[in-house]
Amino acid sequence: MSELRWDRNFALEQAGDDEEILAELLELFHHSALADLDKIKAGAADKNPVAMGEAAHSIKGAAASLGVEAVRVLAHEIEKAGRGGDLAGALQPLPALEQLLQQLGSMK
């Protein structure tokens, strides 16, 4: 299983050192990332790498703001490949991204 490589201290700082706010931000991130993951999968089904890249961009930004580095890196790979029209390249990191988002959802 891949590691999230989550910088919890950075994320807590972004939440104003408030544990409750951090928990809420993580929950919001998880829900929005799952919605964007659905958009990535729809883009894959439609053979539309550009749509995949656009949805991945959203995940990348949110992951960066919460210090979830592994998710950010994978989303960036999908975004870059997708915006370049590389369907195969955008598909390659997708299983690992999905796994990490599931892992993120199980964090408490």
C-alpha atoms as a PDB file:
ATOM      1  CA  MET A   1       0.000   0.000   0.000  1.00  0.00           C
ATOM      2  CA  SER A   2       1.296   3.412  -0.906  1.00  0.00           C
ATOM      3  CA  GLU A   3       2.006   5.974   1.741  1.00  0.00           C
ATOM      4  CA  LEU A   4       0.056   9.212   1.849  1.00  0.00           C
ATOM      5  CA  ARG A   5       3.186  11.126   2.880  1.00  0.00           C
ATOM      6  CA  TRP A   6       0.975  13.501   4.813  1.00  0.00           C
ATOM      7  CA  ASP A   7       2.600  16.467   6.533  1.00  0.00           C
ATOM      8  CA  ARG A   8       0.167  16.655   9.430  1.00  0.00           C
ATOM      9  CA  ASN A   9       1.972  19.580  11.059  1.00  0.00           C
ATOM     10  CA  PHE A  10       1.652  21.628   7.859  1.00  0.00           C
ATOM     11  CA  ALA A  11      -2.032  20.743   7.578  1.00  0.00           C
ATOM     12  CA  LEU A  12      -2.655  21.632  11.206  1.00  0.00           C
ATOM     13  CA  GLU A  13      -0.932  24.966  10.658  1.00  0.00           C
ATOM     14  CA  GLN A  14      -3.220  25.601   7.668  1.00  0.00           C
ATOM     15  CA  ALA A  15      -6.168  24.932   9.999  1.00  0.00           C
ATOM     16  CA  GLY A  16      -4.993  27.527  12.493  1.00  0.00           C
ATOM     17  CA  ASP A  17      -3.763  24.815  14.873  1.00  0.00           C
ATOM     18  CA  ASP A  18      -7.372  23.765  15.423  1.00  0.00           C
ATOM     19  CA  GLU A  19      -7.857  19.967  15.411  1.00  0.00           C
ATOM     20  CA  GLU A  20     -11.605  20.219  14.750  1.00  0.00           C
ATOM     21  CA  ILE A  21     -11.110  22.469  11.749  1.00  0.00           C
ATOM     22  CA  LEU A  22      -8.427  20.126  10.449  1.00  0.00           C
ATOM     23  CA  ALA A  23     -10.813  17.172  10.739  1.00  0.00           C
ATOM     24  CA  GLU A  24     -13.477  19.142   8.848  1.00  0.00           C
ATOM     25  CA  LEU A  25     -11.003  20.158   6.138  1.00  0.00           C
ATOM     26  CA  LEU A  26      -9.883  16.561   5.686  1.00  0.00           C
ATOM     27  CA  GLU A  27     -13.473  15.406   5.407  1.00  0.00           C
ATOM     28  CA  LEU A  28     -14.268  18.109   2.855  1.00  0.00           C
ATOM     29  CA  PHE A  29     -11.127  17.251   0.910  1.00  0.00           C
ATOM     30  CA  HIS A  30     -11.990  13.568   0.886  1.00  0.00           C
ATOM     31  CA  HIS A  31     -15.527  14.185  -0.400  1.00  0.00           C
ATOM     32  CA  SER A  32     -14.451  16.660  -3.063  1.00  0.00           C
ATOM     33  CA  ALA A  33     -11.567  14.424  -4.150  1.00  0.00           C
ATOM     34  CA  LEU A  34     -13.954  11.486  -4.569  1.00  0.00           C
ATOM     35  CA  ALA A  35     -16.220  13.657  -6.737  1.00  0.00           C
ATOM     36  CA  ASP A  36     -13.205  14.702  -8.806  1.00  0.00           C
ATOM     37  CA  LEU A  37     -12.085  11.066  -9.006  1.00  0.00           C
ATOM     38  CA  ASP A  38     -15.477  10.270 -10.541  1.00  0.00           C
ATOM     39  CA  LYS A  39     -14.840  13.021 -13.113  1.00  0.00           C
ATOM     40  CA  ILE A  40     -11.427  11.536 -13.879  1.00  0.00           C
ATOM     41  CA  LYS A  41     -12.995   8.112 -14.390  1.00  0.00           C
ATOM     42  CA  ALA A  42     -15.698   9.612 -16.609  1.00  0.00           C
ATOM     43  CA  GLY A  43     -13.011  11.304 -18.672  1.00  0.00           C
ATOM     44  CA  ALA A  44     -11.219   7.974 -18.961  1.00  0.00           C
ATOM     45  CA  ALA A  45     -14.395   6.223 -20.067  1.00  0.00           C
ATOM     46  CA  ASP A  46     -14.962   8.952 -22.663  1.00  0.00           C
ATOM     47  CA  LYS A  47     -11.307   8.736 -23.734  1.00  0.00           C
ATOM     48  CA  ASN A  48     -10.990  12.415 -22.842  1.00  0.00           C
ATOM     49  CA  PRO A  49      -7.606  12.949 -21.198  1.00  0.00           C
ATOM     50  CA  VAL A  50      -8.101  16.723 -21.053  1.00  0.00           C
ATOM     51  CA  ALA A  51     -11.165  16.291 -18.807  1.00  0.00           C
ATOM     52  CA  MET A  52      -9.118  13.914 -16.673  1.00  0.00           C
ATOM     53  CA  GLY A  53      -6.415  16.544 -16.318  1.00  0.00           C
ATOM     54  CA  GLU A  54      -8.863  19.249 -15.330  1.00  0.00           C
ATOM     55  CA  ALA A  55     -10.391  17.125 -12.566  1.00  0.00           C
ATOM     56  CA  ALA A  56      -6.951  16.060 -11.368  1.00  0.00           C
ATOM     57  CA  HIS A  57      -5.947  19.726 -11.112  1.00  0.00           C
ATOM     58  CA  SER A  58      -8.602  20.242  -8.453  1.00  0.00           C
ATOM     59  CA  ILE A  59      -7.377  17.272  -6.415  1.00  0.00           C
ATOM     60  CA  LYS A  60      -3.781  18.446  -6.760  1.00  0.00           C
ATOM     61  CA  GLY A  61      -4.516  21.889  -5.358  1.00  0.00           C
ATOM     62  CA  ALA A  62      -6.527  20.648  -2.416  1.00  0.00           C
ATOM     63  CA  ALA A  63      -3.941  17.981  -1.581  1.00  0.00           C
ATOM     64  CA  ALA A  64      -1.165  20.575  -1.677  1.00  0.00           C
ATOM     65  CA  SER A  65      -3.060  22.871   0.672  1.00  0.00           C
ATOM     66  CA  LEU A  66      -3.353  20.041   3.222  1.00  0.00           C
ATOM     67  CA  GLY A  67       0.129  18.627   2.802  1.00  0.00           C
ATOM     68  CA  VAL A  68      -0.994  15.296   1.324  1.00  0.00           C
ATOM     69  CA  GLU A  69       2.059  14.951  -0.874  1.00  0.00           C
ATOM     70  CA  ALA A  70       1.540  11.518  -2.441  1.00  0.00           C
ATOM     71  CA  VAL A  71      -1.959  12.464  -3.608  1.00  0.00           C
ATOM     72  CA  ARG A  72      -0.645  15.769  -4.937  1.00  0.00           C
ATOM     73  CA  VAL A  73       2.088  14.029  -6.929  1.00  0.00           C
ATOM     74  CA  LEU A  74      -0.263  11.468  -8.497  1.00  0.00           C
ATOM     75  CA  ALA A  75      -2.880  14.098  -9.305  1.00  0.00           C
ATOM     76  CA  HIS A  76      -0.153  16.212 -10.910  1.00  0.00           C
ATOM     77  CA  GLU A  77       0.914  13.256 -13.069  1.00  0.00           C
ATOM     78  CA  ILE A  78      -2.674  12.765 -14.263  1.00  0.00           C
ATOM     79  CA  GLU A  79      -3.111  16.488 -14.837  1.00  0.00           C
ATOM     80  CA  LYS A  80       0.096  16.823 -16.841  1.00  0.00           C
ATOM     81  CA  ALA A  81      -0.571  13.776 -19.003  1.00  0.00           C
ATOM     82  CA  GLY A  82      -4.227  14.667 -19.468  1.00  0.00           C
ATOM     83  CA  ARG A  83      -3.588  18.240 -20.497  1.00  0.00           C
ATOM     84  CA  GLY A  84      -0.991  16.921 -22.922  1.00  0.00           C
ATOM     85  CA  GLY A  85      -3.558  14.597 -24.494  1.00  0.00           C
ATOM     86  CA  ASP A  86      -1.809  11.450 -23.225  1.00  0.00           C
ATOM     87  CA  LEU A  87      -4.654   9.098 -22.256  1.00  0.00           C
ATOM     88  CA  ALA A  88      -2.365   6.174 -21.364  1.00  0.00           C
ATOM     89  CA  GLY A  89      -0.186   8.435 -19.231  1.00  0.00           C
ATOM     90  CA  ALA A  90      -3.226   9.823 -17.437  1.00  0.00           C
ATOM     91  CA  LEU A  91      -4.585   6.340 -16.779  1.00  0.00           C
ATOM     92  CA  GLN A  92      -1.350   4.913 -15.360  1.00  0.00           C
ATOM     93  CA  PRO A  93      -1.390   6.669 -11.929  1.00  0.00           C
ATOM     94  CA  LEU A  94      -5.159   6.358 -11.511  1.00  0.00           C
ATOM     95  CA  PRO A  95      -5.246   3.083  -9.483  1.00  0.00           C
ATOM     96  CA  ALA A  96      -2.655   4.406  -7.025  1.00  0.00           C
ATOM     97  CA  LEU A  97      -4.573   7.678  -6.638  1.00  0.00           C
ATOM     98  CA  GLU A  98      -7.787   5.811  -5.961  1.00  0.00           C
ATOM     99  CA  GLN A  99      -6.036   3.657  -3.354  1.00  0.00           C
ATOM    100  CA  LEU A 100      -4.611   6.679  -1.567  1.00  0.00           C
ATOM    101  CA  LEU A 101      -7.980   8.419  -1.510  1.00  0.00           C
ATOM    102  CA  GLN A 102      -9.502   5.311   0.072  1.00  0.00           C
ATOM    103  CA  GLN A 103      -6.698   5.336   2.616  1.00  0.00           C
ATOM    104  CA  LEU A 104      -7.361   9.005   3.310  1.00  0.00           C
ATOM    105  CA  GLY A 105     -11.023   8.234   3.942  1.00  0.00           C
ATOM    106  CA  SER A 106     -10.113   5.717   6.619  1.00  0.00           C
ATOM    107  CA  MET A 107      -8.008   8.221   8.586  1.00  0.00           C
ATOM    108  CA  LYS A 108      -9.513   9.477  11.782  1.00  0.00           C
END
